Amino acid sequence: MAYVAHEKFAQIFSPVVGDVFGTIYDISTIAILWFAGASALAGLLNIVPRYLPRYGMAPDWARATRPLTIVFTLICFAVTISFQADVNAQGGAYATGVLALMTSAAVAVTISARRKNEKKWVAFLIIALVFIYTTVVNIIAQPEGIKIATLFIISIVVASFVSRALRSTEIRIDNIELDEKAEEFINDLEIGDIRIVTNRREKGDVTEYRFKEHEKRIDNHIPSTDPVLFYEIELGDASEFKGKLKIRGVDVEGYRILRTESPAVPNAIAAFLMYLRDRTGKIPHVYFGWSEGNPIMYLIRYVIFGEGDTAPVTREILRQAEEDPERRPNVHVGG
């Protein structure tokens, strides 16, 4: 088109008219592409800080606009250099990207309309199928786009796993809320040492807590006169990297239990211990049992699913959260 604007108009009218019209066309094309790129960049700057850091799939600095802008700009330079600034070479990749975006939007609208039982969902489905067909044909004809997309997907997945692993020892709890019964239990801890016994609930009856208390007192030499408070955590949605703890108190025939839900068990324990220390001014003690199994497999389970060998991970989270050993909650492992 640029060739037509410059050369053909020059032949039909005059060289001056050809140059003027061609220049106007070039400026218009550049402006349109610039606005399209700016729009895409604005979308990325809005989406990435909202989702990836939330799920632990990006460093916390990814929430800031300026570093992300630099990263995306460097990626643009890398792609341009790899294609040697050849517009024709980048055409296939660009077309694949645009078609994939429009296809995903069409599919999303179709699903949304179907869930709302709207009659026009069939029309949306037809449009989505057309886009799917067009995208597949384009990928077959110009595979450069899918190659680049695959490279970026692999890079994002690898970076996400690395980021989640590196950030796994953060506290990850923004706020702690206690119900009335839990508040009562915490207020009773102001007298004497604070001794927290972690428990993976099975039946939740008095027999379980009687056995667990006896076991922990024997293994860790806890005086019979010191009261203990059980702390139980149900594993929530592991994809949620951060959140708040809603702790409720339960009394099972005299045994006091705190129950909550969290995407990561060690982090919820560490956060609660720090909360108790700051609230009561005393250093709490937490008691664990040794886990049976391969420690490497436990580590992988913790990074992916939020649970694993809880005691050493809790200790490491506390170590990073509190540099002063004198103010750090005490972790005991027995058995």
Protein backbone atom coordinates (compact mmCIF):
# COMPACT_ATOMS: atom_id res chain seq x y z
CA MET A 1 0.00 0.00 0.00
CA ALA A 2 2.83 2.37 0.77
CA TYR A 3 4.31 1.56 -2.63
CA VAL A 4 0.99 2.37 -4.32
CA ALA A 5 0.67 5.59 -2.35
CA HIS A 6 4.11 6.81 -3.35
CA GLU A 7 4.77 5.41 -6.82
CA LYS A 8 1.35 5.11 -8.45
CA PHE A 9 0.09 8.50 -7.29
CA ALA A 10 3.33 9.99 -8.58
CA GLN A 11 2.75 8.39 -11.96
CA ILE A 12 -0.92 9.38 -12.14
CA PHE A 13 -0.59 12.95 -10.87
CA SER A 14 2.93 14.19 -10.24
CA PRO A 15 5.99 13.23 -8.15
CA VAL A 16 5.16 15.97 -5.63
CA VAL A 17 1.60 14.72 -5.13
CA GLY A 18 2.90 11.17 -4.84
CA ASP A 19 5.45 12.11 -2.18
CA VAL A 20 2.94 14.20 -0.18
CA PHE A 21 0.17 11.60 -0.29
CA GLY A 22 2.62 8.77 0.39
CA THR A 23 4.08 10.60 3.39
CA ILE A 24 0.59 11.24 4.79
CA TYR A 25 -0.22 7.56 4.33
CA ASP A 26 3.04 6.52 6.05
CA ILE A 27 2.39 8.81 9.03
CA SER A 28 -1.18 7.53 9.35
CA THR A 29 -0.03 3.91 9.23
CA ILE A 30 2.67 4.50 11.84
CA ALA A 31 0.20 6.34 14.10
CA ILE A 32 -2.36 3.52 13.85
CA LEU A 33 0.25 0.88 14.63
CA TRP A 34 1.63 3.02 17.47
CA PHE A 35 -1.80 3.37 19.05
CA ALA A 36 -2.41 -0.37 18.60
CA GLY A 37 0.88 -1.16 20.33
CA ALA A 38 0.18 1.35 23.10
CA SER A 39 -3.25 -0.21 23.61
CA ALA A 40 -1.74 -3.70 23.86
CA LEU A 41 0.91 -2.47 26.29
CA ALA A 42 -1.73 -0.73 28.41
CA GLY A 43 -3.70 -4.00 28.52
CA LEU A 44 -0.65 -5.96 29.66
CA LEU A 45 0.21 -3.34 32.29
CA ASN A 46 -3.33 -3.70 33.61
CA ILE A 47 -3.57 -7.51 33.53
CA VAL A 48 -0.13 -8.65 34.74
CA PRO A 49 -0.01 -6.72 38.07
CA ARG A 50 -3.59 -7.76 38.83
CA TYR A 51 -3.17 -11.51 38.41
CA LEU A 52 0.37 -12.88 38.21
CA PRO A 53 1.76 -11.51 41.52
CA ARG A 54 -1.50 -12.46 43.21
CA TYR A 55 -0.88 -16.11 42.37
CA GLY A 56 2.82 -15.92 43.13
CA MET A 57 3.64 -16.26 39.44
CA ALA A 58 5.68 -13.06 39.25
CA PRO A 59 7.94 -11.10 41.62
CA ASP A 60 6.24 -8.51 43.79
CA TRP A 61 7.92 -5.70 41.80
CA ALA A 62 5.71 -6.76 38.86
CA ARG A 63 2.93 -4.74 40.50
CA ALA A 64 4.83 -1.55 39.59
CA THR A 65 4.21 0.01 36.17
CA ARG A 66 7.68 1.29 35.32
CA PRO A 67 9.64 -1.98 35.67
CA LEU A 68 6.99 -3.83 33.67
CA THR A 69 7.12 -1.20 30.93
CA ILE A 70 10.89 -1.67 30.68
CA VAL A 71 10.50 -5.48 30.53
CA PHE A 72 7.88 -5.33 27.77
CA THR A 73 9.95 -2.80 25.82
CA LEU A 74 13.00 -5.06 25.99
CA ILE A 75 10.87 -7.97 24.74
CA CYS A 76 9.73 -5.83 21.80
CA PHE A 77 13.35 -5.00 20.96
CA ALA A 78 14.30 -8.68 21.20
CA VAL A 79 11.50 -9.74 18.85
CA THR A 80 12.32 -6.96 16.38
CA ILE A 81 16.02 -7.91 16.36
CA SER A 82 15.28 -11.64 16.01
CA PHE A 83 13.13 -10.89 12.92
CA GLN A 84 15.76 -8.42 11.66
CA ALA A 85 13.07 -5.72 11.56
CA ASP A 86 11.46 -7.46 8.60
CA VAL A 87 7.77 -6.51 8.45
CA ASN A 88 6.89 -9.46 6.21
CA ALA A 89 8.61 -11.91 8.57
CA GLN A 90 6.65 -10.54 11.54
CA GLY A 91 3.36 -10.55 9.65
CA GLY A 92 2.55 -14.19 10.42
CA ALA A 93 3.30 -13.83 14.12
CA TYR A 94 1.24 -10.66 14.34
CA ALA A 95 -1.72 -12.23 12.53
CA THR A 96 -1.60 -15.29 14.80
CA GLY A 97 -1.55 -13.08 17.90
CA VAL A 98 -4.49 -10.97 16.79
CA LEU A 99 -6.54 -13.99 15.71
CA ALA A 100 -5.82 -15.81 18.98
CA LEU A 101 -6.96 -12.75 20.93
CA MET A 102 -10.18 -12.39 18.93
CA THR A 103 -10.84 -16.14 19.10
CA SER A 104 -10.46 -16.27 22.88
CA ALA A 105 -12.76 -13.24 23.21
CA ALA A 106 -15.38 -14.89 20.97
CA VAL A 107 -15.22 -18.13 22.97
CA ALA A 108 -15.49 -16.22 26.27
CA VAL A 109 -18.56 -14.32 25.05
CA THR A 110 -20.14 -17.58 23.85
CA ILE A 111 -19.62 -19.27 27.22
CA SER A 112 -20.93 -16.24 29.09
CA ALA A 113 -24.07 -16.03 26.93
CA ARG A 114 -24.67 -19.79 27.29
CA ARG A 115 -24.47 -19.58 31.08
CA LYS A 116 -26.97 -16.73 31.09
CA ASN A 117 -29.29 -18.80 28.84
CA GLU A 118 -29.33 -16.08 26.20
CA LYS A 119 -30.77 -17.18 22.83
CA LYS A 120 -28.06 -15.38 20.88
CA TRP A 121 -25.36 -17.68 22.21
CA VAL A 122 -25.76 -19.80 19.07
CA ALA A 123 -24.79 -16.81 16.91
CA PHE A 124 -21.77 -16.20 19.13
CA LEU A 125 -20.86 -19.89 18.80
CA ILE A 126 -20.89 -19.64 14.99
CA ILE A 127 -18.66 -16.56 15.11
CA ALA A 128 -16.31 -18.33 17.53
CA LEU A 129 -16.07 -21.35 15.21
CA VAL A 130 -15.25 -19.07 12.28
CA PHE A 131 -12.44 -17.47 14.27
CA ILE A 132 -11.16 -20.88 15.40
CA TYR A 133 -11.09 -22.11 11.79
CA THR A 134 -9.34 -18.93 10.60
CA THR A 135 -6.76 -19.18 13.37
CA VAL A 136 -5.97 -22.81 12.58
CA VAL A 137 -5.63 -22.07 8.86
CA ASN A 138 -3.32 -19.12 9.60
CA ILE A 139 -1.17 -21.22 11.93
CA ILE A 140 -0.77 -23.91 9.27
CA ALA A 141 0.08 -21.35 6.58
CA GLN A 142 2.36 -19.22 8.77
CA PRO A 143 3.74 -21.29 11.69
CA GLU A 144 6.09 -18.53 12.91
CA GLY A 145 3.38 -17.13 15.16
CA ILE A 146 2.68 -20.37 17.00
CA LYS A 147 6.42 -20.96 17.42
CA ILE A 148 6.85 -17.58 19.10
CA ALA A 149 3.71 -18.09 21.19
CA THR A 150 4.99 -21.49 22.35
CA LEU A 151 8.32 -19.93 23.33
CA PHE A 152 6.57 -17.22 25.34
CA ILE A 153 4.24 -19.73 27.02
CA ILE A 154 7.16 -21.93 28.06
CA SER A 155 9.06 -18.87 29.32
CA ILE A 156 6.06 -17.67 31.35
CA VAL A 157 5.45 -21.12 32.86
CA VAL A 158 9.11 -21.56 33.82
CA ALA A 159 9.34 -18.02 35.21
CA SER A 160 6.10 -18.56 37.13
CA PHE A 161 7.36 -21.75 38.77
CA VAL A 162 10.67 -20.11 39.67
CA SER A 163 8.90 -17.04 41.06
CA ARG A 164 6.47 -19.13 43.09
CA ALA A 165 9.33 -21.21 44.50
CA LEU A 166 11.38 -18.13 45.42
CA ARG A 167 8.38 -16.41 47.04
CA SER A 168 7.09 -19.50 48.83
CA THR A 169 8.72 -18.48 52.12
CA GLU A 170 6.93 -15.15 52.35
CA ILE A 171 4.34 -14.77 55.11
CA ARG A 172 1.59 -14.44 52.45
CA ILE A 173 -1.10 -13.49 54.98
CA ASP A 174 -2.45 -9.95 54.78
CA ASN A 175 -4.83 -9.97 57.75
CA ILE A 176 -6.07 -12.21 60.56
CA GLU A 177 -9.67 -12.19 61.79
CA LEU A 178 -10.83 -14.04 64.93
CA ASP A 179 -14.36 -14.96 65.88
CA GLU A 180 -15.67 -14.46 69.43
CA LYS A 181 -14.63 -17.91 70.66
CA ALA A 182 -11.14 -17.60 69.18
CA GLU A 183 -10.77 -14.19 70.85
CA GLU A 184 -11.67 -15.81 74.16
CA PHE A 185 -9.00 -18.49 73.68
CA ILE A 186 -6.34 -15.91 72.77
CA ASN A 187 -7.18 -13.75 75.79
CA ASP A 188 -6.66 -16.77 78.06
CA LEU A 189 -3.11 -17.11 76.67
CA GLU A 190 -1.99 -13.90 78.37
CA ILE A 191 -1.12 -15.98 81.46
CA GLY A 192 1.82 -18.39 81.13
CA ASP A 193 3.63 -19.58 78.03
CA ILE A 194 1.88 -19.79 74.67
CA ARG A 195 1.97 -23.37 73.44
CA ILE A 196 0.41 -24.13 70.04
CA VAL A 197 -0.02 -27.73 68.89
CA THR A 198 -0.59 -28.17 65.17
CA ASN A 199 -2.98 -30.91 64.17
CA ARG A 200 -4.21 -32.41 60.92
CA ARG A 201 -7.80 -33.12 61.88
CA GLU A 202 -9.17 -36.61 61.28
CA LYS A 203 -12.33 -37.34 63.27
CA GLY A 204 -12.17 -34.21 65.38
CA ASP A 205 -13.47 -35.98 68.49
CA VAL A 206 -12.27 -35.88 72.08
CA THR A 207 -10.27 -39.13 71.67
CA GLU A 208 -8.16 -37.59 68.90
CA TYR A 209 -7.31 -34.49 70.91
CA ARG A 210 -6.62 -36.47 74.09
CA PHE A 211 -4.14 -38.68 72.21
CA LYS A 212 -2.55 -35.73 70.39
CA GLU A 213 -2.04 -33.74 73.58
CA HIS A 214 -0.52 -36.71 75.40
CA GLU A 215 1.80 -37.40 72.45
CA LYS A 216 3.05 -33.82 72.24
CA ARG A 217 3.56 -33.48 75.97
CA ILE A 218 5.68 -36.66 76.04
CA ASP A 219 7.67 -35.92 72.88
CA ASN A 220 8.42 -32.28 73.72
CA HIS A 221 8.46 -32.39 77.55
CA ILE A 222 5.58 -29.94 77.94
CA PRO A 223 4.62 -29.59 81.62
CA SER A 224 1.21 -31.01 82.43
CA THR A 225 0.28 -27.72 84.09
CA ASP A 226 0.79 -25.68 80.91
CA PRO A 227 -2.34 -25.41 78.73
CA VAL A 228 -2.06 -26.08 74.99
CA LEU A 229 -4.08 -24.67 72.13
CA PHE A 230 -4.66 -26.78 69.03
CA TYR A 231 -4.32 -25.13 65.63
CA GLU A 232 -5.84 -26.82 62.57
CA ILE A 233 -5.57 -25.60 58.98
CA GLU A 234 -7.60 -26.88 56.06
CA LEU A 235 -5.90 -26.45 52.71
CA GLY A 236 -7.74 -23.93 50.54
CA ASP A 237 -7.24 -22.93 46.92
CA ALA A 238 -3.49 -23.38 46.38
CA SER A 239 -3.57 -21.04 43.38
CA GLU A 240 -4.33 -18.12 45.72
CA PHE A 241 -0.90 -16.88 46.75
CA LYS A 242 -2.04 -14.37 49.38
CA GLY A 243 -5.11 -13.90 51.52
CA LYS A 244 -6.42 -13.39 55.04
CA LEU A 245 -7.02 -15.88 57.82
CA LYS A 246 -10.47 -16.22 59.33
CA ILE A 247 -9.91 -18.18 62.51
CA ARG A 248 -12.77 -19.69 64.47
CA GLY A 249 -12.62 -21.22 67.94
CA VAL A 250 -14.09 -24.63 68.78
CA ASP A 251 -14.41 -26.32 72.17
CA VAL A 252 -14.43 -30.12 72.10
CA GLU A 253 -15.16 -31.28 75.66
CA GLY A 254 -12.62 -28.92 77.18
CA TYR A 255 -10.03 -29.08 74.39
CA ARG A 256 -9.59 -25.68 72.75
CA ILE A 257 -9.09 -25.69 68.98
CA LEU A 258 -8.51 -22.92 66.47
CA ARG A 259 -9.54 -23.76 62.92
CA THR A 260 -8.93 -21.88 59.69
CA GLU A 261 -8.40 -22.31 55.96
CA SER A 262 -5.36 -21.21 53.97
CA PRO A 263 -3.75 -21.86 50.55
CA ALA A 264 -0.44 -22.69 52.30
CA VAL A 265 -0.24 -24.42 55.69
CA PRO A 266 3.28 -23.39 56.89
CA ASN A 267 2.66 -19.76 55.98
CA ALA A 268 -0.62 -19.70 57.91
CA ILE A 269 1.13 -21.15 60.96
CA ALA A 270 4.00 -18.64 60.76
CA ALA A 271 1.61 -15.72 60.28
CA PHE A 272 -0.46 -16.75 63.30
CA LEU A 273 2.64 -17.13 65.48
CA MET A 274 3.83 -13.65 64.52
CA TYR A 275 0.35 -12.33 65.24
CA LEU A 276 0.36 -13.90 68.72
CA ARG A 277 3.80 -12.49 69.46
CA ASP A 278 2.83 -8.97 68.44
CA ARG A 279 -0.50 -9.12 70.27
CA THR A 280 0.62 -10.66 73.56
CA GLY A 281 4.22 -9.49 73.69
CA LYS A 282 5.33 -13.09 74.41
CA ILE A 283 7.26 -15.54 72.26
CA PRO A 284 4.92 -18.42 71.31
CA HIS A 285 5.96 -22.06 71.01
CA VAL A 286 4.63 -24.32 68.24
CA TYR A 287 4.88 -28.11 68.23
CA PHE A 288 5.11 -30.48 65.25
CA GLY A 289 5.75 -34.15 64.58
CA TRP A 290 8.25 -35.46 62.05
CA SER A 291 6.86 -36.26 58.60
CA GLU A 292 7.48 -39.67 57.04
CA GLY A 293 8.54 -39.57 53.41
CA ASN A 294 10.97 -38.12 50.87
CA PRO A 295 11.84 -34.49 51.78
CA ILE A 296 12.29 -33.56 48.10
CA MET A 297 8.77 -34.74 47.30
CA TYR A 298 7.45 -32.79 50.29
CA LEU A 299 9.20 -29.66 49.00
CA ILE A 300 7.64 -30.05 45.55
CA ARG A 301 4.21 -30.62 47.12
CA TYR A 302 4.61 -27.46 49.18
CA VAL A 303 5.56 -25.26 46.21
CA ILE A 304 2.70 -26.58 44.05
CA PHE A 305 -0.04 -27.49 46.52
CA GLY A 306 0.85 -25.46 49.64
CA GLU A 307 1.47 -28.40 51.98
CA GLY A 308 4.43 -30.65 52.66
CA ASP A 309 6.98 -31.08 55.43
CA THR A 310 5.46 -28.30 57.51
CA ALA A 311 7.92 -27.89 60.39
CA PRO A 312 11.15 -26.92 58.52
CA VAL A 313 9.27 -24.69 56.08
CA THR A 314 7.52 -22.87 58.96
CA ARG A 315 10.90 -22.40 60.64
CA GLU A 316 12.39 -20.92 57.44
CA ILE A 317 9.45 -18.56 56.95
CA LEU A 318 9.85 -17.31 60.51
CA ARG A 319 13.60 -16.93 60.05
CA GLN A 320 13.12 -14.72 57.02
CA ALA A 321 10.28 -12.75 58.60
CA GLU A 322 12.15 -12.02 61.85
CA GLU A 323 15.90 -11.45 61.77
CA ASP A 324 16.29 -11.28 65.55
CA PRO A 325 16.40 -14.86 66.95
CA GLU A 326 15.36 -13.56 70.38
CA ARG A 327 12.03 -12.30 68.99
CA ARG A 328 11.40 -15.25 66.71
CA PRO A 329 8.66 -17.77 67.65
CA ASN A 330 10.07 -21.14 68.74
CA VAL A 331 9.50 -24.22 66.56
CA HIS A 332 9.68 -27.65 68.25
CA VAL A 333 9.67 -30.99 66.42
CA GLY A 334 9.40 -34.23 68.35
CA GLY A 335 8.58 -37.88 67.87
